[in-house]
PDB file of all heavy atoms in Angstrom:
ATOM      1  N   ARG A   1     102.228  70.755  58.318  1.00  0.00           N
ATOM      2  CA  ARG A   1     102.362  69.304  58.430  1.00  0.00           C
ATOM      3  C   ARG A   1     103.002  68.918  59.777  1.00  0.00           C
ATOM      4  O   ARG A   1     102.685  67.881  60.347  1.00  0.00           O
ATOM      5  CB  ARG A   1     103.180  68.741  57.281  1.00  0.00           C
ATOM      6  CG  ARG A   1     102.469  68.853  55.924  1.00  0.00           C
ATOM      7  CD  ARG A   1     103.056  67.894  54.916  1.00  0.00           C
ATOM      8  NE  ARG A   1     102.382  68.002  53.625  1.00  0.00           N
ATOM      9  CZ  ARG A   1     102.847  68.612  52.575  1.00  0.00           C
ATOM     10  NH1 ARG A   1     104.043  69.171  52.624  1.00  0.00           N
ATOM     11  NH2 ARG A   1     102.166  68.665  51.452  1.00  0.00           N
ATOM     12  N   GLN A   2     103.941  69.735  60.237  1.00  0.00           N
ATOM     13  CA  GLN A   2     104.572  69.458  61.522  1.00  0.00           C
ATOM     14  C   GLN A   2     103.530  69.433  62.646  1.00  0.00           C
ATOM     15  O   GLN A   2     103.485  68.526  63.428  1.00  0.00           O
ATOM     16  CB  GLN A   2     105.643  70.504  61.832  1.00  0.00           C
ATOM     17  CG  GLN A   2     106.306  70.319  63.201  1.00  0.00           C
ATOM     18  CD  GLN A   2     107.126  71.519  63.624  1.00  0.00           C
ATOM     19  OE1 GLN A   2     107.072  72.580  62.961  1.00  0.00           O
ATOM     20  NE2 GLN A   2     107.866  71.389  64.683  1.00  0.00           N
ATOM     21  N   VAL A   3     102.704  70.483  62.678  1.00  0.00           N
ATOM     22  CA  VAL A   3     101.680  70.541  63.698  1.00  0.00           C
ATOM     23  C   VAL A   3     100.635  69.438  63.498  1.00  0.00           C
ATOM     24  O   VAL A   3     100.089  68.876  64.464  1.00  0.00           O
ATOM     25  CB  VAL A   3     101.001  71.926  63.717  1.00  0.00           C
ATOM     26  CG1 VAL A   3      99.870  72.001  64.705  1.00  0.00           C
ATOM     27  CG2 VAL A   3     102.024  73.017  64.027  1.00  0.00           C
ATOM     28  N   PHE A   4     100.395  69.060  62.234  1.00  0.00           N
ATOM     29  CA  PHE A   4      99.508  67.919  61.970  1.00  0.00           C
ATOM     30  C   PHE A   4      99.995  66.666  62.684  1.00  0.00           C
ATOM     31  O   PHE A   4      99.216  65.971  63.344  1.00  0.00           O
ATOM     32  CB  PHE A   4      99.383  67.706  60.456  1.00  0.00           C
ATOM     33  CG  PHE A   4      98.602  66.505  60.093  1.00  0.00           C
ATOM     34  CD1 PHE A   4      97.243  66.537  59.921  1.00  0.00           C
ATOM     35  CD2 PHE A   4      99.269  65.291  59.855  1.00  0.00           C
ATOM     36  CE1 PHE A   4      96.503  65.405  59.586  1.00  0.00           C
ATOM     37  CE2 PHE A   4      98.531  64.127  59.509  1.00  0.00           C
ATOM     38  CZ  PHE A   4      97.185  64.174  59.381  1.00  0.00           C
ATOM     39  N   TYR A   5     101.295  66.370  62.498  1.00  0.00           N
ATOM     40  CA  TYR A   5     101.850  65.197  63.110  1.00  0.00           C
ATOM     41  C   TYR A   5     101.864  65.287  64.630  1.00  0.00           C
ATOM     42  O   TYR A   5     101.602  64.299  65.351  1.00  0.00           O
ATOM     43  CB  TYR A   5     103.292  64.950  62.638  1.00  0.00           C
ATOM     44  CG  TYR A   5     103.365  64.258  61.258  1.00  0.00           C
ATOM     45  CD1 TYR A   5     103.966  64.893  60.183  1.00  0.00           C
ATOM     46  CD2 TYR A   5     102.833  62.979  61.063  1.00  0.00           C
ATOM     47  CE1 TYR A   5     104.063  64.300  58.960  1.00  0.00           C
ATOM     48  CE2 TYR A   5     102.902  62.378  59.816  1.00  0.00           C
ATOM     49  CZ  TYR A   5     103.530  63.032  58.762  1.00  0.00           C
ATOM     50  OH  TYR A   5     103.610  62.433  57.554  1.00  0.00           O
ATOM     51  N   LEU A   6     102.158  66.482  65.175  1.00  0.00           N
ATOM     52  CA  LEU A   6     102.151  66.679  66.629  1.00  0.00           C
ATOM     53  C   LEU A   6     100.719  66.470  67.135  1.00  0.00           C
ATOM     54  O   LEU A   6     100.562  65.894  68.258  1.00  0.00           O
ATOM     55  CB  LEU A   6     102.631  68.098  66.964  1.00  0.00           C
ATOM     56  CG  LEU A   6     104.127  68.366  66.741  1.00  0.00           C
ATOM     57  CD1 LEU A   6     104.442  69.799  67.023  1.00  0.00           C
ATOM     58  CD2 LEU A   6     104.969  67.434  67.582  1.00  0.00           C
ATOM     59  N   ARG A   7      99.729  66.888  66.399  1.00  0.00           N
ATOM     60  CA  ARG A   7      98.351  66.680  66.821  1.00  0.00           C
ATOM     61  C   ARG A   7      98.026  65.169  66.807  1.00  0.00           C
ATOM     62  O   ARG A   7      97.358  64.673  67.726  1.00  0.00           O
ATOM     63  CB  ARG A   7      97.442  67.428  65.863  1.00  0.00           C
ATOM     64  CG  ARG A   7      96.003  67.573  66.340  1.00  0.00           C
ATOM     65  CD  ARG A   7      95.124  66.546  65.704  1.00  0.00           C
ATOM     66  NE  ARG A   7      93.732  66.724  66.089  1.00  0.00           N
ATOM     67  CZ  ARG A   7      92.857  65.729  66.112  1.00  0.00           C
ATOM     68  NH1 ARG A   7      93.213  64.512  65.718  1.00  0.00           N
ATOM     69  NH2 ARG A   7      91.603  65.946  66.486  1.00  0.00           N
ATOM     70  N   GLU A   8      98.466  64.448  65.811  1.00  0.00           N
ATOM     71  CA  GLU A   8      98.267  63.032  65.755  1.00  0.00           C
ATOM     72  C   GLU A   8      98.953  62.341  66.929  1.00  0.00           C
ATOM     73  O   GLU A   8      98.410  61.404  67.545  1.00  0.00           O
ATOM     74  CB  GLU A   8      98.757  62.467  64.425  1.00  0.00           C
ATOM     75  CG  GLU A   8      97.973  62.877  63.223  1.00  0.00           C
ATOM     76  CD  GLU A   8      96.523  62.367  63.253  1.00  0.00           C
ATOM     77  OE1 GLU A   8      96.336  61.167  63.342  1.00  0.00           O
ATOM     78  OE2 GLU A   8      95.601  63.213  63.218  1.00  0.00           O
ATOM     79  N   GLN A   9     100.167  62.796  67.248  1.00  0.00           N
ATOM     80  CA  GLN A   9     100.924  62.216  68.365  1.00  0.00           C
ATOM     81  C   GLN A   9     100.166  62.441  69.656  1.00  0.00           C
ATOM     82  O   GLN A   9     100.071  61.543  70.498  1.00  0.00           O
ATOM     83  CB  GLN A   9     102.294  62.839  68.424  1.00  0.00           C
ATOM     84  CG  GLN A   9     103.180  62.224  69.485  1.00  0.00           C
ATOM     85  CD  GLN A   9     104.536  62.936  69.606  1.00  0.00           C
ATOM     86  OE1 GLN A   9     104.580  64.149  69.577  1.00  0.00           O
ATOM     87  NE2 GLN A   9     105.575  62.178  69.711  1.00  0.00           N
ATOM     88  N   ALA A  10      99.646  63.682  69.839  1.00  0.00           N
ATOM     89  CA  ALA A  10      98.860  63.936  71.072  1.00  0.00           C
ATOM     90  C   ALA A  10      97.616  63.086  71.131  1.00  0.00           C
ATOM     91  O   ALA A  10      97.190  62.632  72.206  1.00  0.00           O
ATOM     92  CB  ALA A  10      98.523  65.419  71.127  1.00  0.00           C
ATOM     93  N   GLU A  11      96.963  62.871  70.009  1.00  0.00           N
ATOM     94  CA  GLU A  11      95.748  62.052  69.937  1.00  0.00           C
ATOM     95  C   GLU A  11      96.048  60.609  70.356  1.00  0.00           C
ATOM     96  O   GLU A  11      95.231  59.969  71.056  1.00  0.00           O
ATOM     97  CB  GLU A  11      95.161  62.095  68.537  1.00  0.00           C
ATOM     98  CG  GLU A  11      93.812  61.408  68.369  1.00  0.00           C
ATOM     99  CD  GLU A  11      92.673  62.196  69.009  1.00  0.00           C
ATOM    100  OE1 GLU A  11      92.745  63.442  69.063  1.00  0.00           O
ATOM    101  OE2 GLU A  11      91.711  61.546  69.478  1.00  0.00           O
ATOM    102  N   LEU A  12      97.214  60.112  69.947  1.00  0.00           N
ATOM    103  CA  LEU A  12      97.596  58.711  70.248  1.00  0.00           C
ATOM    104  C   LEU A  12      98.007  58.536  71.720  1.00  0.00           C
ATOM    105  O   LEU A  12      98.126  57.404  72.162  1.00  0.00           O
ATOM    106  CB  LEU A  12      98.724  58.280  69.344  1.00  0.00           C
ATOM    107  CG  LEU A  12      98.361  58.174  67.841  1.00  0.00           C
ATOM    108  CD1 LEU A  12      99.634  57.840  67.022  1.00  0.00           C
ATOM    109  CD2 LEU A  12      97.304  57.131  67.615  1.00  0.00           C
ATOM    110  N   ALA A  13      98.188  59.654  72.420  1.00  0.00           N
ATOM    111  CA  ALA A  13      98.590  59.514  73.823  1.00  0.00           C
ATOM    112  C   ALA A  13      97.483  58.937  74.685  1.00  0.00           C
ATOM    113  O   ALA A  13      97.766  58.509  75.792  1.00  0.00           O
ATOM    114  CB  ALA A  13      99.005  60.889  74.349  1.00  0.00           C
ATOM    115  N   LYS A  14      96.239  58.897  74.208  1.00  0.00           N
ATOM    116  CA  LYS A  14      95.151  58.364  74.975  1.00  0.00           C
ATOM    117  C   LYS A  14      95.130  56.826  74.945  1.00  0.00           C
ATOM    118  O   LYS A  14      94.357  56.194  75.701  1.00  0.00           O
ATOM    119  CB  LYS A  14      93.820  58.917  74.494  1.00  0.00           C
ATOM    120  CG  LYS A  14      93.465  58.541  73.068  1.00  0.00           C
ATOM    121  CD  LYS A  14      92.169  59.267  72.620  1.00  0.00           C
ATOM    122  CE  LYS A  14      91.817  58.888  71.180  1.00  0.00           C
ATOM    123  NZ  LYS A  14      90.598  59.633  70.731  1.00  0.00           N
ATOM    124  N   TYR A  15      95.916  56.202  74.061  1.00  0.00           N
ATOM    125  CA  TYR A  15      96.000  54.758  73.979  1.00  0.00           C
ATOM    126  C   TYR A  15      97.077  54.246  74.947  1.00  0.00           C
ATOM    127  O   TYR A  15      98.017  54.951  75.271  1.00  0.00           O
ATOM    128  CB  TYR A  15      96.336  54.302  72.563  1.00  0.00           C
ATOM    129  CG  TYR A  15      95.232  54.622  71.569  1.00  0.00           C
ATOM    130  CD1 TYR A  15      95.361  55.698  70.664  1.00  0.00           C
ATOM    131  CD2 TYR A  15      94.075  53.845  71.481  1.00  0.00           C
ATOM    132  CE1 TYR A  15      94.362  56.008  69.771  1.00  0.00           C
ATOM    133  CE2 TYR A  15      93.074  54.131  70.555  1.00  0.00           C
ATOM    134  CZ  TYR A  15      93.218  55.208  69.716  1.00  0.00           C
ATOM    135  OH  TYR A  15      92.231  55.530  68.832  1.00  0.00           O
ATOM    136  N   PRO A  16      96.952  52.982  75.357  1.00  0.00           N
ATOM    137  CA  PRO A  16      97.926  52.434  76.306  1.00  0.00           C
ATOM    138  C   PRO A  16      99.324  52.355  75.672  1.00  0.00           C
ATOM    139  O   PRO A  16      99.497  52.249  74.462  1.00  0.00           O
ATOM    140  CB  PRO A  16      97.397  51.011  76.565  1.00  0.00           C
ATOM    141  CG  PRO A  16      95.966  51.040  76.162  1.00  0.00           C
ATOM    142  CD  PRO A  16      95.855  52.028  75.057  1.00  0.00           C
ATOM    143  N   SER A  17     100.350  52.411  76.511  1.00  0.00           N
ATOM    144  CA  SER A  17     101.710  52.255  76.080  1.00  0.00           C
ATOM    145  C   SER A  17     102.307  51.024  76.756  1.00  0.00           C
ATOM    146  O   SER A  17     101.913  50.649  77.849  1.00  0.00           O
ATOM    147  CB  SER A  17     102.543  53.509  76.456  1.00  0.00           C
ATOM    148  OG  SER A  17     102.546  53.691  77.853  1.00  0.00           O
ATOM    149  N   LEU A  18     103.224  50.408  76.031  1.00  0.00           N
ATOM    150  CA  LEU A  18     103.848  49.152  76.542  1.00  0.00           C
ATOM    151  C   LEU A  18     105.336  49.337  76.667  1.00  0.00           C
ATOM    152  O   LEU A  18     106.017  49.767  75.724  1.00  0.00           O
ATOM    153  CB  LEU A  18     103.543  47.990  75.567  1.00  0.00           C
ATOM    154  CG  LEU A  18     104.230  46.653  75.915  1.00  0.00           C
ATOM    155  CD1 LEU A  18     103.722  46.127  77.251  1.00  0.00           C
ATOM    156  CD2 LEU A  18     103.955  45.629  74.836  1.00  0.00           C
ATOM    157  N   THR A  19     105.846  49.073  77.879  1.00  0.00           N
ATOM    158  CA  THR A  19     107.284  49.198  78.147  1.00  0.00           C
ATOM    159  C   THR A  19     107.781  47.848  78.632  1.00  0.00           C
ATOM    160  O   THR A  19     107.247  47.275  79.587  1.00  0.00           O
ATOM    161  CB  THR A  19     107.563  50.259  79.229  1.00  0.00           C
ATOM    162  OG1 THR A  19     107.045  51.537  78.760  1.00  0.00           O
ATOM    163  CG2 THR A  19     109.041  50.423  79.451  1.00  0.00           C
ATOM    164  N   LEU A  20     108.851  47.366  77.974  1.00  0.00           N
ATOM    165  CA  LEU A  20     109.504  46.116  78.368  1.00  0.00           C
ATOM    166  C   LEU A  20     110.744  46.484  79.176  1.00  0.00           C
ATOM    167  O   LEU A  20     111.564  47.312  78.752  1.00  0.00           O
ATOM    168  CB  LEU A  20     109.888  45.293  77.186  1.00  0.00           C
ATOM    169  CG  LEU A  20     108.733  44.877  76.224  1.00  0.00           C
ATOM    170  CD1 LEU A  20     109.253  44.034  75.079  1.00  0.00           C
ATOM    171  CD2 LEU A  20     107.673  44.102  76.985  1.00  0.00           C
ATOM    172  N   THR A  21     110.907  45.836  80.358  1.00  0.00           N
ATOM    173  CA  THR A  21     112.053  46.143  81.230  1.00  0.00           C
ATOM    174  C   THR A  21     112.767  44.858  81.598  1.00  0.00           C
ATOM    175  O   THR A  21     112.140  43.854  81.920  1.00  0.00           O
ATOM    176  CB  THR A  21     111.571  46.863  82.500  1.00  0.00           C
ATOM    177  OG1 THR A  21     110.852  48.018  82.157  1.00  0.00           O
ATOM    178  CG2 THR A  21     112.763  47.248  83.363  1.00  0.00           C
ATOM    179  N   LEU A  22     114.107  44.889  81.539  1.00  0.00           N
ATOM    180  CA  LEU A  22     114.936  43.759  81.919  1.00  0.00           C
ATOM    181  C   LEU A  22     115.912  44.267  82.941  1.00  0.00           C
ATOM    182  O   LEU A  22     116.626  45.275  82.693  1.00  0.00           O
ATOM    183  CB  LEU A  22     115.630  43.214  80.704  1.00  0.00           C
ATOM    184  CG  LEU A  22     116.489  41.925  80.934  1.00  0.00           C
ATOM    185  CD1 LEU A  22     115.573  40.773  81.291  1.00  0.00           C
ATOM    186  CD2 LEU A  22     117.278  41.622  79.672  1.00  0.00           C
ATOM    187  N   THR A  23     115.991  43.590  84.125  1.00  0.00           N
ATOM    188  CA  THR A  23     116.910  44.054  85.154  1.00  0.00           C
ATOM    189  C   THR A  23     117.859  42.930  85.536  1.00  0.00           C
ATOM    190  O   THR A  23     117.652  42.208  86.551  1.00  0.00           O
ATOM    191  CB  THR A  23     116.110  44.511  86.402  1.00  0.00           C
ATOM    192  OG1 THR A  23     115.260  43.421  86.847  1.00  0.00           O
ATOM    193  CG2 THR A  23     115.258  45.714  86.084  1.00  0.00           C
ATOM    194  N   PRO A  24     118.930  42.725  84.844  1.00  0.00           N
ATOM    195  CA  PRO A  24     119.975  41.749  85.250  1.00  0.00           C
ATOM    196  C   PRO A  24     120.873  42.381  86.307  1.00  0.00           C
ATOM    197  O   PRO A  24     121.053  43.592  86.387  1.00  0.00           O
ATOM    198  CB  PRO A  24     120.746  41.506  83.953  1.00  0.00           C
ATOM    199  CG  PRO A  24     120.606  42.779  83.189  1.00  0.00           C
ATOM    200  CD  PRO A  24     119.245  43.309  83.529  1.00  0.00           C
ATOM    201  N   GLY A  25     121.416  41.526  87.223  1.00  0.00           N
ATOM    202  CA  GLY A  25     122.302  42.038  88.246  1.00  0.00           C
ATOM    203  C   GLY A  25     122.987  40.935  89.015  1.00  0.00           C
ATOM    204  O   GLY A  25     122.768  39.747  88.800  1.00  0.00           O
ATOM    205  N   LEU A  26     123.818  41.314  89.955  1.00  0.00           N
ATOM    206  CA  LEU A  26     124.542  40.399  90.814  1.00  0.00           C
ATOM    207  C   LEU A  26     124.302  40.768  92.263  1.00  0.00           C
ATOM    208  O   LEU A  26     124.231  41.986  92.593  1.00  0.00           O
ATOM    209  CB  LEU A  26     126.063  40.435  90.551  1.00  0.00           C
ATOM    210  CG  LEU A  26     126.477  39.914  89.144  1.00  0.00           C
ATOM    211  CD1 LEU A  26     127.966  40.211  88.969  1.00  0.00           C
ATOM    212  CD2 LEU A  26     126.240  38.402  89.061  1.00  0.00           C
ATOM    213  N   SER A  27     124.133  39.783  93.113  1.00  0.00           N
ATOM    214  CA  SER A  27     123.881  40.000  94.532  1.00  0.00           C
ATOM    215  C   SER A  27     124.707  38.998  95.341  1.00  0.00           C
ATOM    216  O   SER A  27     124.831  37.847  94.954  1.00  0.00           O
ATOM    217  CB  SER A  27     122.381  39.881  94.871  1.00  0.00           C
ATOM    218  OG  SER A  27     122.189  39.932  96.245  1.00  0.00           O
ATOM    219  N   THR A  28     125.230  39.447  96.484  1.00  0.00           N
ATOM    220  CA  THR A  28     125.972  38.508  97.357  1.00  0.00           C
ATOM    221  C   THR A  28     125.055  37.438  97.933  1.00  0.00           C
ATOM    222  O   THR A  28     125.545  36.373  98.364  1.00  0.00           O
ATOM    223  CB  THR A  28     126.670  39.262  98.489  1.00  0.00           C
ATOM    224  OG1 THR A  28     125.645  39.985  99.201  1.00  0.00           O
ATOM    225  CG2 THR A  28     127.685  40.246  97.934  1.00  0.00           C
ATOM    226  N   ALA A  29     123.758  37.735  97.942  1.00  0.00           N
ATOM    227  CA  ALA A  29     122.831  36.761  98.489  1.00  0.00           C
ATOM    228  C   ALA A  29     122.326  35.801  97.466  1.00  0.00           C
ATOM    229  O   ALA A  29     122.224  34.577  97.697  1.00  0.00           O
ATOM    230  CB  ALA A  29     121.664  37.505  99.121  1.00  0.00           C
ATOM    231  N   ASP A  30     122.009  36.289  96.290  1.00  0.00           N
ATOM    232  CA  ASP A  30     121.371  35.407  95.285  1.00  0.00           C
ATOM    233  C   ASP A  30     122.261  35.089  94.080  1.00  0.00           C
ATOM    234  O   ASP A  30     121.899  34.319  93.219  1.00  0.00           O
ATOM    235  CB  ASP A  30     120.111  36.088  94.762  1.00  0.00           C
ATOM    236  CG  ASP A  30     119.136  36.366  95.912  1.00  0.00           C
ATOM    237  OD1 ASP A  30     119.062  35.551  96.832  1.00  0.00           O
ATOM    238  OD2 ASP A  30     118.489  37.426  95.827  1.00  0.00           O
ATOM    239  N   GLY A  31     123.396  35.688  93.989  1.00  0.00           N
ATOM    240  CA  GLY A  31     124.257  35.515  92.810  1.00  0.00           C
ATOM    241  C   GLY A  31     123.664  36.282  91.631  1.00  0.00           C
ATOM    242  O   GLY A  31     123.177  37.392  91.769  1.00  0.00           O
ATOM    243  N   LEU A  32     123.673  35.669  90.475  1.00  0.00           N
ATOM    244  CA  LEU A  32     123.143  36.331  89.275  1.00  0.00           C
ATOM    245  C   LEU A  32     121.644  36.257  89.254  1.00  0.00           C
ATOM    246  O   LEU A  32     121.060  35.183  89.487  1.00  0.00           O
ATOM    247  CB  LEU A  32     123.690  35.606  88.017  1.00  0.00           C
ATOM    248  CG  LEU A  32     123.142  36.097  86.679  1.00  0.00           C
ATOM    249  CD1 LEU A  32     123.570  37.539  86.426  1.00  0.00           C
ATOM    250  CD2 LEU A  32     123.649  35.166  85.544  1.00  0.00           C
ATOM    251  N   PHE A  33     121.006  37.405  88.951  1.00  0.00           N
ATOM    252  CA  PHE A  33     119.545  37.384  88.822  1.00  0.00           C
ATOM    253  C   PHE A  33     119.141  38.217  87.599  1.00  0.00           C
ATOM    254  O   PHE A  33     119.792  39.210  87.262  1.00  0.00           O
ATOM    255  CB  PHE A  33     118.851  37.942  90.080  1.00  0.00           C
ATOM    256  CG  PHE A  33     119.161  39.371  90.388  1.00  0.00           C
ATOM    257  CD1 PHE A  33     118.413  40.384  89.807  1.00  0.00           C
ATOM    258  CD2 PHE A  33     120.250  39.708  91.214  1.00  0.00           C
ATOM    259  CE1 PHE A  33     118.686  41.682  90.113  1.00  0.00           C
ATOM    260  CE2 PHE A  33     120.507  41.040  91.464  1.00  0.00           C
ATOM    261  CZ  PHE A  33     119.741  42.019  90.935  1.00  0.00           C
TER     262      PHE A  33
END
């Protein structure tokens, strides 16, 4: 069953993946961004 799930995981790697990124920070030029 472990290898079964690993095989399913590998099969799903052909589908797109979505990553959400948030980059808060401070700058002397722009202040908070």
